[in-house]
Amino acid sequence: MDDQEDADLSRLVEGLLLDVFLADEVARTSAFAFGLVYGSIKLSYLRTKAKSHKKADAKESSRSSPSFN
């Protein structure tokens, strides 16, 4: 191989490595963003579910306890 072929091969390898590292960064960023969105949605769902259970428990306890009027 001459110097020109070595330089071309070197640039090709560097380009491929940069593409791999870029794809890795994009994948990590996408996974992180997905995790944030998923966690946010799940948290709001669990909060809503907890509120409905709290209301149902309050309603149930008010029905079962005798009222002294």
PDB file of N, CA and C in Angstrom:
ATOM      1  N   MET A   1       0.852  -1.187   0.000  1.00  0.00           N
ATOM      2  CA  MET A   1       0.000   0.000   0.000  1.00  0.00           C
ATOM      3  C   MET A   1       0.888   1.236   0.000  1.00  0.00           C
ATOM      4  N   ASP A   2       0.414   2.228  -0.691  1.00  0.00           N
ATOM      5  CA  ASP A   2       1.165   3.477  -0.661  1.00  0.00           C
ATOM      6  C   ASP A   2       0.537   4.422   0.359  1.00  0.00           C
ATOM      7  N   ASP A   3       1.112   5.588   0.505  1.00  0.00           N
ATOM      8  CA  ASP A   3       0.654   6.552   1.516  1.00  0.00           C
ATOM      9  C   ASP A   3      -0.775   7.024   1.254  1.00  0.00           C
ATOM     10  N   GLN A   4      -1.154   7.161  -0.006  1.00  0.00           N
ATOM     11  CA  GLN A   4      -2.501   7.622  -0.342  1.00  0.00           C
ATOM     12  C   GLN A   4      -3.537   6.586   0.090  1.00  0.00           C
ATOM     13  N   GLU A   5      -3.278   5.312  -0.156  1.00  0.00           N
ATOM     14  CA  GLU A   5      -4.206   4.254   0.236  1.00  0.00           C
ATOM     15  C   GLU A   5      -4.304   4.170   1.759  1.00  0.00           C
ATOM     16  N   ASP A   6      -3.179   4.326   2.441  1.00  0.00           N
ATOM     17  CA  ASP A   6      -3.190   4.332   3.910  1.00  0.00           C
ATOM     18  C   ASP A   6      -4.030   5.483   4.447  1.00  0.00           C
ATOM     19  N   ALA A   7      -3.895   6.645   3.849  1.00  0.00           N
ATOM     20  CA  ALA A   7      -4.658   7.814   4.287  1.00  0.00           C
ATOM     21  C   ALA A   7      -6.147   7.610   4.028  1.00  0.00           C
ATOM     22  N   ASP A   8      -6.492   7.043   2.861  1.00  0.00           N
ATOM     23  CA  ASP A   8      -7.899   6.783   2.541  1.00  0.00           C
ATOM     24  C   ASP A   8      -8.497   5.767   3.509  1.00  0.00           C
ATOM     25  N   LEU A   9      -7.758   4.716   3.784  1.00  0.00           N
ATOM     26  CA  LEU A   9      -8.226   3.691   4.713  1.00  0.00           C
ATOM     27  C   LEU A   9      -8.386   4.271   6.114  1.00  0.00           C
ATOM     28  N   SER A  10      -7.444   5.093   6.504  1.00  0.00           N
ATOM     29  CA  SER A  10      -7.510   5.721   7.818  1.00  0.00           C
ATOM     30  C   SER A  10      -8.743   6.614   7.938  1.00  0.00           C
ATOM     31  N   ARG A  11      -9.013   7.404   6.895  1.00  0.00           N
ATOM     32  CA  ARG A  11     -10.208   8.265   6.903  1.00  0.00           C
ATOM     33  C   ARG A  11     -11.485   7.441   6.919  1.00  0.00           C
ATOM     34  N   LEU A  12     -11.471   6.337   6.194  1.00  0.00           N
ATOM     35  CA  LEU A  12     -12.642   5.458   6.163  1.00  0.00           C
ATOM     36  C   LEU A  12     -12.913   4.877   7.544  1.00  0.00           C
ATOM     37  N   VAL A  13     -11.872   4.405   8.204  1.00  0.00           N
ATOM     38  CA  VAL A  13     -12.032   3.834   9.555  1.00  0.00           C
ATOM     39  C   VAL A  13     -12.495   4.906  10.529  1.00  0.00           C
ATOM     40  N   GLU A  14     -11.899   6.086  10.448  1.00  0.00           N
ATOM     41  CA  GLU A  14     -12.322   7.178  11.329  1.00  0.00           C
ATOM     42  C   GLU A  14     -13.783   7.538  11.089  1.00  0.00           C
ATOM     43  N   GLY A  15     -14.188   7.584   9.821  1.00  0.00           N
ATOM     44  CA  GLY A  15     -15.579   7.887   9.497  1.00  0.00           C
ATOM     45  C   GLY A  15     -16.532   6.843  10.036  1.00  0.00           C
ATOM     46  N   LEU A  16     -16.171   5.575   9.906  1.00  0.00           N
ATOM     47  CA  LEU A  16     -17.016   4.505  10.426  1.00  0.00           C
ATOM     48  C   LEU A  16     -17.117   4.563  11.942  1.00  0.00           C
ATOM     49  N   LEU A  17     -15.994   4.822  12.600  1.00  0.00           N
ATOM     50  CA  LEU A  17     -16.010   4.921  14.062  1.00  0.00           C
ATOM     51  C   LEU A  17     -16.862   6.095  14.523  1.00  0.00           C
ATOM     52  N   LEU A  18     -16.751   7.210  13.824  1.00  0.00           N
ATOM     53  CA  LEU A  18     -17.574   8.364  14.181  1.00  0.00           C
ATOM     54  C   LEU A  18     -19.051   8.064  13.990  1.00  0.00           C
ATOM     55  N   ASP A  19     -19.383   7.338  12.917  1.00  0.00           N
ATOM     56  CA  ASP A  19     -20.777   6.951  12.699  1.00  0.00           C
ATOM     57  C   ASP A  19     -21.285   6.043  13.806  1.00  0.00           C
ATOM     58  N   VAL A  20     -20.447   5.109  14.240  1.00  0.00           N
ATOM     59  CA  VAL A  20     -20.842   4.199  15.318  1.00  0.00           C
ATOM     60  C   VAL A  20     -21.036   4.972  16.614  1.00  0.00           C
ATOM     61  N   PHE A  21     -20.112   5.865  16.935  1.00  0.00           N
ATOM     62  CA  PHE A  21     -20.238   6.651  18.161  1.00  0.00           C
ATOM     63  C   PHE A  21     -21.448   7.575  18.099  1.00  0.00           C
ATOM     64  N   LEU A  22     -21.719   8.147  16.931  1.00  0.00           N
ATOM     65  CA  LEU A  22     -22.883   9.014  16.780  1.00  0.00           C
ATOM     66  C   LEU A  22     -24.168   8.218  16.965  1.00  0.00           C
ATOM     67  N   ALA A  23     -24.228   7.034  16.356  1.00  0.00           N
ATOM     68  CA  ALA A  23     -25.410   6.183  16.499  1.00  0.00           C
ATOM     69  C   ALA A  23     -25.597   5.781  17.958  1.00  0.00           C
ATOM     70  N   ASP A  24     -24.507   5.521  18.647  1.00  0.00           N
ATOM     71  CA  ASP A  24     -24.566   5.160  20.063  1.00  0.00           C
ATOM     72  C   ASP A  24     -25.129   6.316  20.887  1.00  0.00           C
ATOM     73  N   GLU A  25     -24.660   7.521  20.607  1.00  0.00           N
ATOM     74  CA  GLU A  25     -25.155   8.695  21.334  1.00  0.00           C
ATOM     75  C   GLU A  25     -26.636   8.934  21.054  1.00  0.00           C
ATOM     76  N   VAL A  26     -27.031   8.780  19.809  1.00  0.00           N
ATOM     77  CA  VAL A  26     -28.442   8.971  19.445  1.00  0.00           C
ATOM     78  C   VAL A  26     -29.305   7.929  20.154  1.00  0.00           C
ATOM     79  N   ALA A  27     -28.841   6.694  20.191  1.00  0.00           N
ATOM     80  CA  ALA A  27     -29.595   5.632  20.859  1.00  0.00           C
ATOM     81  C   ALA A  27     -29.723   5.907  22.354  1.00  0.00           C
ATOM     82  N   ARG A  28     -28.644   6.348  22.976  1.00  0.00           N
ATOM     83  CA  ARG A  28     -28.709   6.662  24.421  1.00  0.00           C
ATOM     84  C   ARG A  28     -29.653   7.817  24.692  1.00  0.00           C
ATOM     85  N   THR A  29     -29.566   8.848  23.873  1.00  0.00           N
ATOM     86  CA  THR A  29     -30.436  10.010  24.055  1.00  0.00           C
ATOM     87  C   THR A  29     -31.892   9.621  23.856  1.00  0.00           C
ATOM     88  N   SER A  30     -32.161   8.815  22.852  1.00  0.00           N
ATOM     89  CA  SER A  30     -33.532   8.369  22.599  1.00  0.00           C
ATOM     90  C   SER A  30     -34.057   7.529  23.757  1.00  0.00           C
ATOM     91  N   ALA A  31     -33.236   6.630  24.257  1.00  0.00           N
ATOM     92  CA  ALA A  31     -33.655   5.788  25.379  1.00  0.00           C
ATOM     93  C   ALA A  31     -33.908   6.626  26.625  1.00  0.00           C
ATOM     94  N   PHE A  32     -33.066   7.618  26.863  1.00  0.00           N
ATOM     95  CA  PHE A  32     -33.244   8.492  28.018  1.00  0.00           C
ATOM     96  C   PHE A  32     -34.548   9.286  27.893  1.00  0.00           C
ATOM     97  N   ALA A  33     -34.795   9.844  26.703  1.00  0.00           N
ATOM     98  CA  ALA A  33     -36.020  10.616  26.482  1.00  0.00           C
ATOM     99  C   ALA A  33     -37.247   9.723  26.631  1.00  0.00           C
ATOM    100  N   PHE A  34     -37.181   8.512  26.089  1.00  0.00           N
ATOM    101  CA  PHE A  34     -38.298   7.582  26.223  1.00  0.00           C
ATOM    102  C   PHE A  34     -38.552   7.257  27.692  1.00  0.00           C
ATOM    103  N   GLY A  35     -37.479   7.056  28.447  1.00  0.00           N
ATOM    104  CA  GLY A  35     -37.622   6.767  29.873  1.00  0.00           C
ATOM    105  C   GLY A  35     -38.265   7.905  30.632  1.00  0.00           C
ATOM    106  N   LEU A  36     -37.900   9.133  30.294  1.00  0.00           N
ATOM    107  CA  LEU A  36     -38.514  10.293  30.946  1.00  0.00           C
ATOM    108  C   LEU A  36     -40.000  10.379  30.640  1.00  0.00           C
ATOM    109  N   VAL A  37     -40.352  10.206  29.382  1.00  0.00           N
ATOM    110  CA  VAL A  37     -41.766  10.284  28.994  1.00  0.00           C
ATOM    111  C   VAL A  37     -42.556   9.146  29.631  1.00  0.00           C
ATOM    112  N   TYR A  38     -42.030   7.935  29.554  1.00  0.00           N
ATOM    113  CA  TYR A  38     -42.714   6.782  30.137  1.00  0.00           C
ATOM    114  C   TYR A  38     -42.887   6.957  31.645  1.00  0.00           C
ATOM    115  N   GLY A  39     -41.834   7.387  32.312  1.00  0.00           N
ATOM    116  CA  GLY A  39     -41.913   7.592  33.756  1.00  0.00           C
ATOM    117  C   GLY A  39     -42.920   8.662  34.134  1.00  0.00           C
ATOM    118  N   SER A  40     -42.968   9.718  33.362  1.00  0.00           N
ATOM    119  CA  SER A  40     -43.914  10.794  33.624  1.00  0.00           C
ATOM    120  C   SER A  40     -45.350  10.320  33.465  1.00  0.00           C
ATOM    121  N   ILE A  41     -45.603   9.583  32.398  1.00  0.00           N
ATOM    122  CA  ILE A  41     -46.957   9.063  32.159  1.00  0.00           C
ATOM    123  C   ILE A  41     -47.345   8.069  33.246  1.00  0.00           C
ATOM    124  N   LYS A  42     -46.427   7.182  33.603  1.00  0.00           N
ATOM    125  CA  LYS A  42     -46.721   6.174  34.628  1.00  0.00           C
ATOM    126  C   LYS A  42     -46.977   6.841  35.980  1.00  0.00           C
ATOM    127  N   LEU A  43     -46.196   7.849  36.308  1.00  0.00           N
ATOM    128  CA  LEU A  43     -46.378   8.537  37.576  1.00  0.00           C
ATOM    129  C   LEU A  43     -47.737   9.232  37.639  1.00  0.00           C
ATOM    130  N   SER A  44     -48.127   9.884  36.553  1.00  0.00           N
ATOM    131  CA  SER A  44     -49.433  10.549  36.564  1.00  0.00           C
ATOM    132  C   SER A  44     -50.562   9.524  36.645  1.00  0.00           C
ATOM    133  N   TYR A  45     -50.394   8.376  35.989  1.00  0.00           N
ATOM    134  CA  TYR A  45     -51.398   7.310  36.077  1.00  0.00           C
ATOM    135  C   TYR A  45     -51.511   6.798  37.515  1.00  0.00           C
ATOM    136  N   LEU A  46     -50.371   6.556  38.152  1.00  0.00           N
ATOM    137  CA  LEU A  46     -50.402   6.041  39.522  1.00  0.00           C
ATOM    138  C   LEU A  46     -50.987   7.060  40.499  1.00  0.00           C
ATOM    139  N   ARG A  47     -50.699   8.340  40.275  1.00  0.00           N
ATOM    140  CA  ARG A  47     -51.284   9.367  41.134  1.00  0.00           C
ATOM    141  C   ARG A  47     -52.801   9.406  40.984  1.00  0.00           C
ATOM    142  N   THR A  48     -53.281   9.318  39.741  1.00  0.00           N
ATOM    143  CA  THR A  48     -54.717   9.321  39.489  1.00  0.00           C
ATOM    144  C   THR A  48     -55.369   8.099  40.115  1.00  0.00           C
ATOM    145  N   LYS A  49     -54.714   6.948  39.978  1.00  0.00           N
ATOM    146  CA  LYS A  49     -55.238   5.716  40.564  1.00  0.00           C
ATOM    147  C   LYS A  49     -55.294   5.816  42.084  1.00  0.00           C
ATOM    148  N   ALA A  50     -54.274   6.398  42.689  1.00  0.00           N
ATOM    149  CA  ALA A  50     -54.251   6.552  44.146  1.00  0.00           C
ATOM    150  C   ALA A  50     -55.368   7.489  44.611  1.00  0.00           C
ATOM    151  N   LYS A  51     -55.610   8.557  43.849  1.00  0.00           N
ATOM    152  CA  LYS A  51     -56.699   9.478  44.208  1.00  0.00           C
ATOM    153  C   LYS A  51     -58.041   8.778  44.150  1.00  0.00           C
ATOM    154  N   SER A  52     -58.265   7.975  43.109  1.00  0.00           N
ATOM    155  CA  SER A  52     -59.556   7.291  42.990  1.00  0.00           C
ATOM    156  C   SER A  52     -59.732   6.276  44.115  1.00  0.00           C
ATOM    157  N   HIS A  53     -58.650   5.592  44.496  1.00  0.00           N
ATOM    158  CA  HIS A  53     -58.741   4.650  45.619  1.00  0.00           C
ATOM    159  C   HIS A  53     -59.024   5.391  46.920  1.00  0.00           C
ATOM    160  N   LYS A  54     -58.413   6.539  47.076  1.00  0.00           N
ATOM    161  CA  LYS A  54     -58.636   7.331  48.290  1.00  0.00           C
ATOM    162  C   LYS A  54     -60.093   7.785  48.377  1.00  0.00           C
ATOM    163  N   LYS A  55     -60.630   8.226  47.239  1.00  0.00           N
ATOM    164  CA  LYS A  55     -62.036   8.646  47.216  1.00  0.00           C
ATOM    165  C   LYS A  55     -62.959   7.473  47.500  1.00  0.00           C
ATOM    166  N   ALA A  56     -62.669   6.324  46.917  1.00  0.00           N
ATOM    167  CA  ALA A  56     -63.503   5.142  47.133  1.00  0.00           C
ATOM    168  C   ALA A  56     -63.442   4.700  48.595  1.00  0.00           C
ATOM    169  N   ASP A  57     -62.265   4.761  49.194  1.00  0.00           N
ATOM    170  CA  ASP A  57     -62.140   4.398  50.605  1.00  0.00           C
ATOM    171  C   ASP A  57     -62.903   5.373  51.494  1.00  0.00           C
ATOM    172  N   ALA A  58     -62.829   6.648  51.168  1.00  0.00           N
ATOM    173  CA  ALA A  58     -63.553   7.651  51.955  1.00  0.00           C
ATOM    174  C   ALA A  58     -65.058   7.447  51.830  1.00  0.00           C
ATOM    175  N   LYS A  59     -65.514   7.138  50.645  1.00  0.00           N
ATOM    176  CA  LYS A  59     -66.934   6.903  50.414  1.00  0.00           C
ATOM    177  C   LYS A  59     -67.385   5.660  51.159  1.00  0.00           C
ATOM    178  N   GLU A  60     -66.580   4.619  51.117  1.00  0.00           N
ATOM    179  CA  GLU A  60     -66.898   3.362  51.791  1.00  0.00           C
ATOM    180  C   GLU A  60     -66.940   3.556  53.304  1.00  0.00           C
ATOM    181  N   SER A  61     -65.990   4.298  53.845  1.00  0.00           N
ATOM    182  CA  SER A  61     -65.969   4.491  55.295  1.00  0.00           C
ATOM    183  C   SER A  61     -67.117   5.383  55.747  1.00  0.00           C
ATOM    184  N   SER A  62     -67.552   6.314  54.904  1.00  0.00           N
ATOM    185  CA  SER A  62     -68.685   7.159  55.297  1.00  0.00           C
ATOM    186  C   SER A  62     -69.987   6.372  55.252  1.00  0.00           C
ATOM    187  N   ARG A  63     -70.087   5.378  54.392  1.00  0.00           N
ATOM    188  CA  ARG A  63     -71.295   4.540  54.324  1.00  0.00           C
ATOM    189  C   ARG A  63     -71.359   3.560  55.487  1.00  0.00           C
ATOM    190  N   SER A  64     -70.218   3.037  55.896  1.00  0.00           N
ATOM    191  CA  SER A  64     -70.209   2.001  56.924  1.00  0.00           C
ATOM    192  C   SER A  64     -70.288   2.576  58.335  1.00  0.00           C
ATOM    193  N   SER A  65     -69.843   3.799  58.522  1.00  0.00           N
ATOM    194  CA  SER A  65     -69.893   4.362  59.875  1.00  0.00           C
ATOM    195  C   SER A  65     -71.283   4.940  60.150  1.00  0.00           C
ATOM    196  N   PRO A  66     -71.791   4.685  61.313  1.00  0.00           N
ATOM    197  CA  PRO A  66     -73.136   5.202  61.632  1.00  0.00           C
ATOM    198  C   PRO A  66     -73.086   6.709  61.854  1.00  0.00           C
ATOM    199  N   SER A  67     -74.149   7.354  61.437  1.00  0.00           N
ATOM    200  CA  SER A  67     -74.207   8.805  61.668  1.00  0.00           C
ATOM    201  C   SER A  67     -75.076   9.046  62.890  1.00  0.00           C
ATOM    202  N   PHE A  68     -74.651   9.932  63.732  1.00  0.00           N
ATOM    203  CA  PHE A  68     -75.363  10.250  64.975  1.00  0.00           C
ATOM    204  C   PHE A  68     -76.036  11.605  64.799  1.00  0.00           C
ATOM    205  N   ASN A  69     -77.255  11.577  64.334  1.00  0.00           N
ATOM    206  CA  ASN A  69     -78.005  12.841  64.147  1.00  0.00           C
ATOM    207  C   ASN A  69     -79.060  12.986  65.171  1.00  0.00           C
TER     208      ASN A  69
END
